[in-house]
């Protein structure tokens, strides 16, 4: 849906696909880095857990897949291109179009790597996105009277979101809640506090954007709702009428040209007049002289 909305606004399909892929890959890399930082700090202090290993392995596998795809795209020998083209041709699809798309993605990736300033901005905004999400979780936890160490909060956040990236349920629905609550409880948060914190946080973080996006999508489909005009006072209506009367001025020549009788036969052209001048006055026709008897 996001790809379709972006392309419908005039963005090329290749550029839209590259933007979405870059956002997803960059977000996954930054999230895994945050998780590993939390694990490095937390394991020496609090010990390990089987969930830590599962999340670390899942993150490592995801990073390996991403790295393999990127290396395959920028490979000068074009082995990934030939493989993808062969697979699409095998299933009766247009492999040449896919190969052209991969070439475009390769050029865009190389351009992104060469533009260090753009790369820095991507990393900065991606990190800010996850840190603000983490801050929202902490604020919900504090709102319900809970407290947890920073490393515990970072580990719980990283575990839930890394495992949610595995495409099992939409948006990790059920997986995120099933990881957050026991992990926070393991770090000393009461079970009731952890439950209400996670559920309300997920309403704001997952369900509320869906609601806002759905309303926005419907508004794009049916058009914007016309605003209700505010009632004007008597003085306001008089001022509006005065402004409308002073803004529109029509010369006499324009009025004559607009209201003059038209020749319906089409044989005689209608005279036109300059907007700055007026129709010249014509002398009255002379009367024929009558003979006197």
C-alpha atoms as a PDB file:
ATOM      1  CA  UNK A   1       0.000   0.000   0.000  1.00  0.00           C
ATOM      2  CA  UNK A   2       2.809   2.385   0.863  1.00  0.00           C
ATOM      3  CA  UNK A   3       4.548   1.623  -2.430  1.00  0.00           C
ATOM      4  CA  UNK A   4       1.331   2.240  -4.351  1.00  0.00           C
ATOM      5  CA  UNK A   5       0.660   5.541  -2.590  1.00  0.00           C
ATOM      6  CA  UNK A   6       4.198   6.757  -3.238  1.00  0.00           C
ATOM      7  CA  UNK A   7       4.142   5.821  -6.921  1.00  0.00           C
ATOM      8  CA  UNK A   8       0.668   7.295  -7.403  1.00  0.00           C
ATOM      9  CA  UNK A   9       2.028  10.688  -6.313  1.00  0.00           C
ATOM     10  CA  UNK A  10       4.447  10.733  -9.248  1.00  0.00           C
ATOM     11  CA  UNK A  11       7.545   8.987  -7.840  1.00  0.00           C
ATOM     12  CA  UNK A  12       9.168   6.436 -10.138  1.00  0.00           C
ATOM     13  CA  UNK A  13       8.704   2.810  -9.117  1.00  0.00           C
ATOM     14  CA  UNK A  14      12.440   2.174  -8.886  1.00  0.00           C
ATOM     15  CA  UNK A  15      12.980   5.218  -6.652  1.00  0.00           C
ATOM     16  CA  UNK A  16      10.024   4.303  -4.438  1.00  0.00           C
ATOM     17  CA  UNK A  17      11.276   0.739  -4.050  1.00  0.00           C
ATOM     18  CA  UNK A  18      14.774   1.946  -3.225  1.00  0.00           C
ATOM     19  CA  UNK A  19      13.489   4.405  -0.616  1.00  0.00           C
ATOM     20  CA  UNK A  20      11.342   1.797   1.123  1.00  0.00           C
ATOM     21  CA  UNK A  21      14.095  -0.819   1.004  1.00  0.00           C
ATOM     22  CA  UNK A  22      16.688   1.622   2.339  1.00  0.00           C
ATOM     23  CA  UNK A  23      14.407   2.674   5.177  1.00  0.00           C
ATOM     24  CA  UNK A  24      13.711  -0.942   6.140  1.00  0.00           C
ATOM     25  CA  UNK A  25      17.329  -2.097   5.933  1.00  0.00           C
ATOM     26  CA  UNK A  26      18.726   0.927   7.749  1.00  0.00           C
ATOM     27  CA  UNK A  27      16.115   0.619  10.476  1.00  0.00           C
ATOM     28  CA  UNK A  28      16.912  -3.076  10.991  1.00  0.00           C
ATOM     29  CA  UNK A  29      20.658  -2.431  11.210  1.00  0.00           C
ATOM     30  CA  UNK A  30      20.276   0.342  13.783  1.00  0.00           C
ATOM     31  CA  UNK A  31      17.838  -1.738  15.853  1.00  0.00           C
ATOM     32  CA  UNK A  32      20.244  -4.679  15.996  1.00  0.00           C
ATOM     33  CA  UNK A  33      23.093  -2.393  17.023  1.00  0.00           C
ATOM     34  CA  UNK A  34      20.967  -1.045  19.889  1.00  0.00           C
ATOM     35  CA  UNK A  35      20.093  -4.596  20.969  1.00  0.00           C
ATOM     36  CA  UNK A  36      23.721  -5.700  20.973  1.00  0.00           C
ATOM     37  CA  UNK A  37      24.712  -2.644  23.005  1.00  0.00           C
ATOM     38  CA  UNK A  38      22.052  -3.536  25.563  1.00  0.00           C
ATOM     39  CA  UNK A  39      23.175  -7.182  25.682  1.00  0.00           C
ATOM     40  CA  UNK A  40      26.836  -6.250  26.093  1.00  0.00           C
ATOM     41  CA  UNK A  41      25.951  -4.079  29.089  1.00  0.00           C
ATOM     42  CA  UNK A  42      23.269  -6.333  30.599  1.00  0.00           C
ATOM     43  CA  UNK A  43      24.755  -9.852  30.385  1.00  0.00           C
ATOM     44  CA  UNK A  44      27.799  -9.161  32.632  1.00  0.00           C
ATOM     45  CA  UNK A  45      25.538  -7.475  35.207  1.00  0.00           C
ATOM     46  CA  UNK A  46      22.422  -9.669  35.203  1.00  0.00           C
ATOM     47  CA  UNK A  47      23.356 -12.885  33.449  1.00  0.00           C
ATOM     48  CA  UNK A  48      22.102 -14.411  30.235  1.00  0.00           C
ATOM     49  CA  UNK A  49      18.752 -15.778  29.115  1.00  0.00           C
ATOM     50  CA  UNK A  50      17.670 -18.140  26.299  1.00  0.00           C
ATOM     51  CA  UNK A  51      15.636 -15.321  24.780  1.00  0.00           C
ATOM     52  CA  UNK A  52      18.801 -13.240  24.443  1.00  0.00           C
ATOM     53  CA  UNK A  53      20.435 -15.891  22.298  1.00  0.00           C
ATOM     54  CA  UNK A  54      17.331 -16.323  20.146  1.00  0.00           C
ATOM     55  CA  UNK A  55      17.096 -12.603  19.461  1.00  0.00           C
ATOM     56  CA  UNK A  56      20.832 -12.288  18.831  1.00  0.00           C
ATOM     57  CA  UNK A  57      20.778 -15.192  16.363  1.00  0.00           C
ATOM     58  CA  UNK A  58      17.685 -13.805  14.610  1.00  0.00           C
ATOM     59  CA  UNK A  59      19.349 -10.416  14.333  1.00  0.00           C
ATOM     60  CA  UNK A  60      22.578 -11.933  13.037  1.00  0.00           C
ATOM     61  CA  UNK A  61      20.710 -13.961  10.408  1.00  0.00           C
ATOM     62  CA  UNK A  62      18.780 -10.866   9.337  1.00  0.00           C
ATOM     63  CA  UNK A  63      21.970  -8.838   9.071  1.00  0.00           C
ATOM     64  CA  UNK A  64      23.640 -11.618   7.066  1.00  0.00           C
ATOM     65  CA  UNK A  65      20.726 -11.702   4.613  1.00  0.00           C
ATOM     66  CA  UNK A  66      20.806  -7.925   4.226  1.00  0.00           C
ATOM     67  CA  UNK A  67      24.564  -7.941   3.720  1.00  0.00           C
ATOM     68  CA  UNK A  68      24.344 -10.702   1.113  1.00  0.00           C
ATOM     69  CA  UNK A  69      21.669  -8.808  -0.826  1.00  0.00           C
ATOM     70  CA  UNK A  70      23.680  -5.576  -0.808  1.00  0.00           C
ATOM     71  CA  UNK A  71      26.891  -7.328  -1.855  1.00  0.00           C
ATOM     72  CA  UNK A  72      25.006  -9.138  -4.603  1.00  0.00           C
ATOM     73  CA  UNK A  73      23.583  -5.872  -5.918  1.00  0.00           C
ATOM     74  CA  UNK A  74      26.928  -4.056  -6.055  1.00  0.00           C
ATOM     75  CA  UNK A  75      28.805  -7.081  -7.433  1.00  0.00           C
ATOM     76  CA  UNK A  76      30.390  -6.151 -10.756  1.00  0.00           C
ATOM     77  CA  UNK A  77      30.113  -9.710 -12.060  1.00  0.00           C
ATOM     78  CA  UNK A  78      26.315  -9.541 -11.938  1.00  0.00           C
ATOM     79  CA  UNK A  79      25.765 -13.010 -10.472  1.00  0.00           C
ATOM     80  CA  UNK A  80      22.689 -11.940  -8.511  1.00  0.00           C
ATOM     81  CA  UNK A  81      21.251 -10.269 -11.615  1.00  0.00           C
ATOM     82  CA  UNK A  82      21.649 -13.424 -13.667  1.00  0.00           C
ATOM     83  CA  UNK A  83      20.157 -15.582 -10.915  1.00  0.00           C
ATOM     84  CA  UNK A  84      17.100 -13.360 -10.445  1.00  0.00           C
ATOM     85  CA  UNK A  85      16.589 -13.039 -14.207  1.00  0.00           C
ATOM     86  CA  UNK A  86      16.792 -16.833 -14.613  1.00  0.00           C
ATOM     87  CA  UNK A  87      14.239 -17.392 -11.816  1.00  0.00           C
ATOM     88  CA  UNK A  88      11.778 -14.892 -13.281  1.00  0.00           C
ATOM     89  CA  UNK A  89      12.184 -16.244 -16.800  1.00  0.00           C
ATOM     90  CA  UNK A  90      11.686 -19.741 -15.451  1.00  0.00           C
ATOM     91  CA  UNK A  91       8.286 -18.792 -14.063  1.00  0.00           C
ATOM     92  CA  UNK A  92       7.237 -16.942 -17.222  1.00  0.00           C
ATOM     93  CA  UNK A  93       7.876 -13.448 -15.875  1.00  0.00           C
ATOM     94  CA  UNK A  94       9.699 -10.527 -17.452  1.00  0.00           C
ATOM     95  CA  UNK A  95      13.244 -11.106 -16.254  1.00  0.00           C
ATOM     96  CA  UNK A  96      14.689  -8.207 -18.262  1.00  0.00           C
ATOM     97  CA  UNK A  97      12.561  -5.647 -16.405  1.00  0.00           C
ATOM     98  CA  UNK A  98      13.684  -7.081 -13.066  1.00  0.00           C
ATOM     99  CA  UNK A  99      17.311  -6.941 -14.192  1.00  0.00           C
ATOM    100  CA  UNK A 100      16.900  -3.261 -15.101  1.00  0.00           C
ATOM    101  CA  UNK A 101      15.395  -2.609 -11.678  1.00  0.00           C
ATOM    102  CA  UNK A 102      18.345  -4.327  -9.990  1.00  0.00           C
ATOM    103  CA  UNK A 103      20.745  -2.210 -12.046  1.00  0.00           C
ATOM    104  CA  UNK A 104      18.948   0.919 -10.880  1.00  0.00           C
ATOM    105  CA  UNK A 105      19.112  -0.235  -7.243  1.00  0.00           C
ATOM    106  CA  UNK A 106      22.821  -0.963  -7.620  1.00  0.00           C
ATOM    107  CA  UNK A 107      23.489   2.546  -8.918  1.00  0.00           C
ATOM    108  CA  UNK A 108      21.441   4.082  -6.125  1.00  0.00           C
ATOM    109  CA  UNK A 109      23.268   2.080  -3.437  1.00  0.00           C
ATOM    110  CA  UNK A 110      26.637   3.121  -4.821  1.00  0.00           C
ATOM    111  CA  UNK A 111      25.486   6.720  -4.928  1.00  0.00           C
ATOM    112  CA  UNK A 112      24.263   6.521  -1.329  1.00  0.00           C
ATOM    113  CA  UNK A 113      27.598   5.102  -0.155  1.00  0.00           C
ATOM    114  CA  UNK A 114      29.467   7.839  -2.011  1.00  0.00           C
ATOM    115  CA  UNK A 115      27.316  10.585  -0.457  1.00  0.00           C
ATOM    116  CA  UNK A 116      28.671  10.564   3.094  1.00  0.00           C
ATOM    117  CA  UNK A 117      26.472  13.454   4.221  1.00  0.00           C
ATOM    118  CA  UNK A 118      23.331  11.644   3.067  1.00  0.00           C
ATOM    119  CA  UNK A 119      24.504   8.459   4.812  1.00  0.00           C
ATOM    120  CA  UNK A 120      25.045  10.379   8.052  1.00  0.00           C
ATOM    121  CA  UNK A 121      21.547  11.846   7.874  1.00  0.00           C
ATOM    122  CA  UNK A 122      20.044   8.406   7.249  1.00  0.00           C
ATOM    123  CA  UNK A 123      21.835   6.976  10.297  1.00  0.00           C
ATOM    124  CA  UNK A 124      20.959   9.987  12.444  1.00  0.00           C
ATOM    125  CA  UNK A 125      17.231   9.956  11.637  1.00  0.00           C
ATOM    126  CA  UNK A 126      17.021   6.167  11.888  1.00  0.00           C
ATOM    127  CA  UNK A 127      18.625   6.244  15.334  1.00  0.00           C
ATOM    128  CA  UNK A 128      16.366   9.098  16.419  1.00  0.00           C
ATOM    129  CA  UNK A 129      13.317   7.086  15.306  1.00  0.00           C
ATOM    130  CA  UNK A 130      14.179   4.112  17.537  1.00  0.00           C
ATOM    131  CA  UNK A 131      15.316   6.229  20.488  1.00  0.00           C
ATOM    132  CA  UNK A 132      12.087   8.245  20.446  1.00  0.00           C
ATOM    133  CA  UNK A 133      10.122   4.983  20.350  1.00  0.00           C
ATOM    134  CA  UNK A 134      12.160   3.757  23.315  1.00  0.00           C
ATOM    135  CA  UNK A 135      11.484   7.024  25.136  1.00  0.00           C
ATOM    136  CA  UNK A 136       7.738   6.575  24.563  1.00  0.00           C
ATOM    137  CA  UNK A 137       7.882   3.110  26.168  1.00  0.00           C
ATOM    138  CA  UNK A 138       9.738   4.527  29.181  1.00  0.00           C
ATOM    139  CA  UNK A 139       7.195   7.354  29.563  1.00  0.00           C
ATOM    140  CA  UNK A 140       4.302   4.870  29.566  1.00  0.00           C
ATOM    141  CA  UNK A 141       6.137   2.782  32.147  1.00  0.00           C
ATOM    142  CA  UNK A 142       6.724   5.800  34.388  1.00  0.00           C
ATOM    143  CA  UNK A 143       3.113   6.933  33.944  1.00  0.00           C
ATOM    144  CA  UNK A 144       1.920   3.706  35.589  1.00  0.00           C
ATOM    145  CA  UNK A 145       4.468   3.869  38.397  1.00  0.00           C
ATOM    146  CA  UNK A 146       6.989   1.400  36.976  1.00  0.00           C
ATOM    147  CA  UNK A 147      10.749   1.713  36.875  1.00  0.00           C
ATOM    148  CA  UNK A 148      13.500  -0.266  35.181  1.00  0.00           C
ATOM    149  CA  UNK A 149      17.223   0.135  34.608  1.00  0.00           C
ATOM    150  CA  UNK A 150      18.265   1.663  31.272  1.00  0.00           C
ATOM    151  CA  UNK A 151      20.024  -1.512  30.121  1.00  0.00           C
ATOM    152  CA  UNK A 152      16.961  -3.617  30.978  1.00  0.00           C
ATOM    153  CA  UNK A 153      14.678  -1.274  29.059  1.00  0.00           C
ATOM    154  CA  UNK A 154      17.022  -1.309  26.058  1.00  0.00           C
ATOM    155  CA  UNK A 155      17.232  -5.120  26.073  1.00  0.00           C
ATOM    156  CA  UNK A 156      13.441  -5.513  26.315  1.00  0.00           C
ATOM    157  CA  UNK A 157      12.932  -2.988  23.526  1.00  0.00           C
ATOM    158  CA  UNK A 158      15.522  -4.584  21.264  1.00  0.00           C
ATOM    159  CA  UNK A 159      14.302  -8.144  21.873  1.00  0.00           C
ATOM    160  CA  UNK A 160      10.676  -7.313  21.127  1.00  0.00           C
ATOM    161  CA  UNK A 161      11.361  -5.370  17.944  1.00  0.00           C
ATOM    162  CA  UNK A 162      14.017  -7.702  16.518  1.00  0.00           C
ATOM    163  CA  UNK A 163      11.755 -10.733  16.966  1.00  0.00           C
ATOM    164  CA  UNK A 164       8.827  -8.701  15.570  1.00  0.00           C
ATOM    165  CA  UNK A 165      10.808  -8.231  12.343  1.00  0.00           C
ATOM    166  CA  UNK A 166      10.380 -11.958  11.648  1.00  0.00           C
ATOM    167  CA  UNK A 167       7.341 -12.051   9.302  1.00  0.00           C
ATOM    168  CA  UNK A 168       5.026 -14.210  11.391  1.00  0.00           C
ATOM    169  CA  UNK A 169       2.242 -11.763  12.299  1.00  0.00           C
ATOM    170  CA  UNK A 170       1.477  -8.257  10.915  1.00  0.00           C
ATOM    171  CA  UNK A 171       3.628  -5.736  12.750  1.00  0.00           C
ATOM    172  CA  UNK A 172       4.663  -8.379  15.265  1.00  0.00           C
ATOM    173  CA  UNK A 173       1.161  -8.364  16.741  1.00  0.00           C
ATOM    174  CA  UNK A 174       1.164 -10.684  19.742  1.00  0.00           C
ATOM    175  CA  UNK A 175       4.909 -11.307  19.523  1.00  0.00           C
ATOM    176  CA  UNK A 176       5.857  -7.843  20.774  1.00  0.00           C
ATOM    177  CA  UNK A 177       3.470  -8.069  23.716  1.00  0.00           C
ATOM    178  CA  UNK A 178       4.623 -11.629  24.482  1.00  0.00           C
ATOM    179  CA  UNK A 179       8.253 -10.482  24.667  1.00  0.00           C
ATOM    180  CA  UNK A 180       7.808  -7.129  26.387  1.00  0.00           C
ATOM    181  CA  UNK A 181       5.776  -8.252  29.385  1.00  0.00           C
ATOM    182  CA  UNK A 182       7.911 -11.205  30.637  1.00  0.00           C
ATOM    183  CA  UNK A 183      11.153  -9.337  29.898  1.00  0.00           C
ATOM    184  CA  UNK A 184      10.082  -6.291  31.903  1.00  0.00           C
ATOM    185  CA  UNK A 185       8.879  -8.573  34.704  1.00  0.00           C
ATOM    186  CA  UNK A 186      12.284 -10.280  34.646  1.00  0.00           C
ATOM    187  CA  UNK A 187      13.933  -6.898  35.176  1.00  0.00           C
ATOM    188  CA  UNK A 188      11.850  -6.222  38.292  1.00  0.00           C
ATOM    189  CA  UNK A 189       8.684  -4.538  37.002  1.00  0.00           C
ATOM    190  CA  UNK A 190       5.461  -5.850  38.646  1.00  0.00           C
ATOM    191  CA  UNK A 191       3.415  -8.033  36.310  1.00  0.00           C
ATOM    192  CA  UNK A 192       0.306  -5.828  36.486  1.00  0.00           C
ATOM    193  CA  UNK A 193       2.331  -2.682  35.780  1.00  0.00           C
ATOM    194  CA  UNK A 194       4.178  -4.307  32.889  1.00  0.00           C
ATOM    195  CA  UNK A 195       0.934  -5.579  31.363  1.00  0.00           C
ATOM    196  CA  UNK A 196      -0.954  -2.283  31.446  1.00  0.00           C
ATOM    197  CA  UNK A 197       2.166  -0.408  30.288  1.00  0.00           C
ATOM    198  CA  UNK A 198       2.728  -2.615  27.257  1.00  0.00           C
ATOM    199  CA  UNK A 199      -0.936  -2.727  26.230  1.00  0.00           C
ATOM    200  CA  UNK A 200      -1.435   1.046  26.374  1.00  0.00           C
ATOM    201  CA  UNK A 201       1.915   1.646  24.693  1.00  0.00           C
ATOM    202  CA  UNK A 202       0.968  -0.680  21.839  1.00  0.00           C
ATOM    203  CA  UNK A 203      -2.350   1.106  21.387  1.00  0.00           C
ATOM    204  CA  UNK A 204      -0.497   4.387  20.854  1.00  0.00           C
ATOM    205  CA  UNK A 205       2.427   2.891  18.924  1.00  0.00           C
ATOM    206  CA  UNK A 206       0.646   0.348  16.701  1.00  0.00           C
ATOM    207  CA  UNK A 207      -3.112   0.890  16.548  1.00  0.00           C
ATOM    208  CA  UNK A 208      -3.308   4.697  16.642  1.00  0.00           C
ATOM    209  CA  UNK A 209      -1.097   5.210  13.537  1.00  0.00           C
ATOM    210  CA  UNK A 210      -3.235   2.648  11.687  1.00  0.00           C
ATOM    211  CA  UNK A 211      -6.361   4.638  12.560  1.00  0.00           C
ATOM    212  CA  UNK A 212      -4.822   7.942  11.471  1.00  0.00           C
ATOM    213  CA  UNK A 213      -3.449   6.363   8.296  1.00  0.00           C
ATOM    214  CA  UNK A 214      -6.826   4.807   7.484  1.00  0.00           C
ATOM    215  CA  UNK A 215      -8.618   8.138   7.821  1.00  0.00           C
ATOM    216  CA  UNK A 216      -5.955   9.825   5.678  1.00  0.00           C
ATOM    217  CA  UNK A 217      -6.250   7.103   3.033  1.00  0.00           C
ATOM    218  CA  UNK A 218     -10.031   7.470   2.897  1.00  0.00           C
ATOM    219  CA  UNK A 219      -9.663  11.247   2.541  1.00  0.00           C
ATOM    220  CA  UNK A 220      -7.370  10.686  -0.442  1.00  0.00           C
ATOM    221  CA  UNK A 221      -9.885   8.352  -2.037  1.00  0.00           C
ATOM    222  CA  UNK A 222     -12.997  10.509  -1.606  1.00  0.00           C
ATOM    223  CA  UNK A 223     -11.426  13.979  -1.497  1.00  0.00           C
ATOM    224  CA  UNK A 224     -11.132  16.539   1.228  1.00  0.00           C
ATOM    225  CA  UNK A 225     -14.194  17.582   3.198  1.00  0.00           C
ATOM    226  CA  UNK A 226     -15.219  21.169   2.476  1.00  0.00           C
ATOM    227  CA  UNK A 227     -14.772  23.361   5.541  1.00  0.00           C
ATOM    228  CA  UNK A 228     -17.877  24.778   7.182  1.00  0.00           C
ATOM    229  CA  UNK A 229     -17.941  28.549   6.580  1.00  0.00           C
ATOM    230  CA  UNK A 230     -17.853  30.625   9.717  1.00  0.00           C
ATOM    231  CA  UNK A 231     -20.834  32.951  10.131  1.00  0.00           C
ATOM    232  CA  UNK A 232     -20.041  36.604   9.543  1.00  0.00           C
ATOM    233  CA  UNK A 233     -21.347  39.545  11.455  1.00  0.00           C
ATOM    234  CA  UNK A 234     -23.278  42.319   9.794  1.00  0.00           C
ATOM    235  CA  UNK A 235     -20.182  44.489   9.658  1.00  0.00           C
ATOM    236  CA  UNK A 236     -18.150  41.603   8.225  1.00  0.00           C
ATOM    237  CA  UNK A 237     -20.649  41.020   5.422  1.00  0.00           C
ATOM    238  CA  UNK A 238     -20.606  44.733   4.595  1.00  0.00           C
ATOM    239  CA  UNK A 239     -16.795  44.756   4.489  1.00  0.00           C
ATOM    240  CA  UNK A 240     -16.744  41.684   2.224  1.00  0.00           C
ATOM    241  CA  UNK A 241     -19.230  43.275  -0.172  1.00  0.00           C
ATOM    242  CA  UNK A 242     -17.230  46.517  -0.217  1.00  0.00           C
ATOM    243  CA  UNK A 243     -13.967  44.690  -0.953  1.00  0.00           C
ATOM    244  CA  UNK A 244     -15.601  42.657  -3.717  1.00  0.00           C
ATOM    245  CA  UNK A 245     -16.989  45.828  -5.281  1.00  0.00           C
ATOM    246  CA  UNK A 246     -13.665  47.663  -5.197  1.00  0.00           C
ATOM    247  CA  UNK A 247     -11.641  44.741  -6.558  1.00  0.00           C
ATOM    248  CA  UNK A 248     -13.704  44.276  -9.744  1.00  0.00           C
ATOM    249  CA  UNK A 249     -13.805  47.319 -12.010  1.00  0.00           C
ATOM    250  CA  UNK A 250     -15.086  47.234 -15.565  1.00  0.00           C
ATOM    251  CA  UNK A 251     -14.526  49.915 -18.169  1.00  0.00           C
ATOM    252  CA  UNK A 252     -17.314  51.280 -20.310  1.00  0.00           C
ATOM    253  CA  UNK A 253     -15.797  49.724 -23.418  1.00  0.00           C
ATOM    254  CA  UNK A 254     -15.770  46.272 -21.776  1.00  0.00           C
ATOM    255  CA  UNK A 255     -19.379  46.706 -20.679  1.00  0.00           C
ATOM    256  CA  UNK A 256     -20.452  47.773 -24.204  1.00  0.00           C
ATOM    257  CA  UNK A 257     -18.575  44.885 -25.781  1.00  0.00           C
ATOM    258  CA  UNK A 258     -20.148  42.412 -23.381  1.00  0.00           C
ATOM    259  CA  UNK A 259     -23.732  43.714 -23.642  1.00  0.00           C
ATOM    260  CA  UNK A 260     -23.868  44.943 -27.239  1.00  0.00           C
ATOM    261  CA  UNK A 261     -26.395  43.190 -29.525  1.00  0.00           C
ATOM    262  CA  UNK A 262     -24.857  40.365 -31.514  1.00  0.00           C
ATOM    263  CA  UNK A 263     -25.155  39.723 -35.188  1.00  0.00           C
ATOM    264  CA  UNK A 264     -26.761  36.271 -35.289  1.00  0.00           C
ATOM    265  CA  UNK A 265     -26.134  35.792 -39.011  1.00  0.00           C
ATOM    266  CA  UNK A 266     -22.360  35.689 -38.540  1.00  0.00           C
ATOM    267  CA  UNK A 267     -21.840  37.867 -41.587  1.00  0.00           C
ATOM    268  CA  UNK A 268     -20.639  40.952 -39.775  1.00  0.00           C
ATOM    269  CA  UNK A 269     -17.837  40.814 -37.186  1.00  0.00           C
ATOM    270  CA  UNK A 270     -18.508  42.376 -33.828  1.00  0.00           C
ATOM    271  CA  UNK A 271     -16.271  45.417 -33.249  1.00  0.00           C
ATOM    272  CA  UNK A 272     -13.794  45.270 -30.377  1.00  0.00           C
ATOM    273  CA  UNK A 273     -12.597  48.183 -28.285  1.00  0.00           C
ATOM    274  CA  UNK A 274      -9.525  48.818 -26.272  1.00  0.00           C
ATOM    275  CA  UNK A 275     -10.007  48.369 -22.540  1.00  0.00           C
ATOM    276  CA  UNK A 276      -8.414  51.744 -21.904  1.00  0.00           C
ATOM    277  CA  UNK A 277     -10.566  53.683 -24.341  1.00  0.00           C
ATOM    278  CA  UNK A 278     -14.183  54.042 -25.229  1.00  0.00           C
ATOM    279  CA  UNK A 279     -16.162  53.620 -28.407  1.00  0.00           C
ATOM    280  CA  UNK A 280     -15.836  56.768 -30.493  1.00  0.00           C
ATOM    281  CA  UNK A 281     -18.967  58.708 -30.947  1.00  0.00           C
ATOM    282  CA  UNK A 282     -20.362  58.691 -34.461  1.00  0.00           C
ATOM    283  CA  UNK A 283     -21.990  61.669 -36.096  1.00  0.00           C
ATOM    284  CA  UNK A 284     -25.724  61.282 -36.692  1.00  0.00           C
ATOM    285  CA  UNK A 285     -26.639  60.499 -40.293  1.00  0.00           C
ATOM    286  CA  UNK A 286     -27.568  63.474 -42.427  1.00  0.00           C
ATOM    287  CA  UNK A 287     -31.182  63.838 -43.457  1.00  0.00           C
ATOM    288  CA  UNK A 288     -31.835  63.815 -47.175  1.00  0.00           C
ATOM    289  CA  UNK A 289     -32.921  67.198 -48.486  1.00  0.00           C
ATOM    290  CA  UNK A 290     -36.481  67.330 -49.668  1.00  0.00           C
ATOM    291  CA  UNK A 291     -37.349  69.421 -52.682  1.00  0.00           C
ATOM    292  CA  UNK A 292     -39.618  72.343 -52.070  1.00  0.00           C
ATOM    293  CA  UNK A 293     -42.445  72.770 -54.428  1.00  0.00           C
END
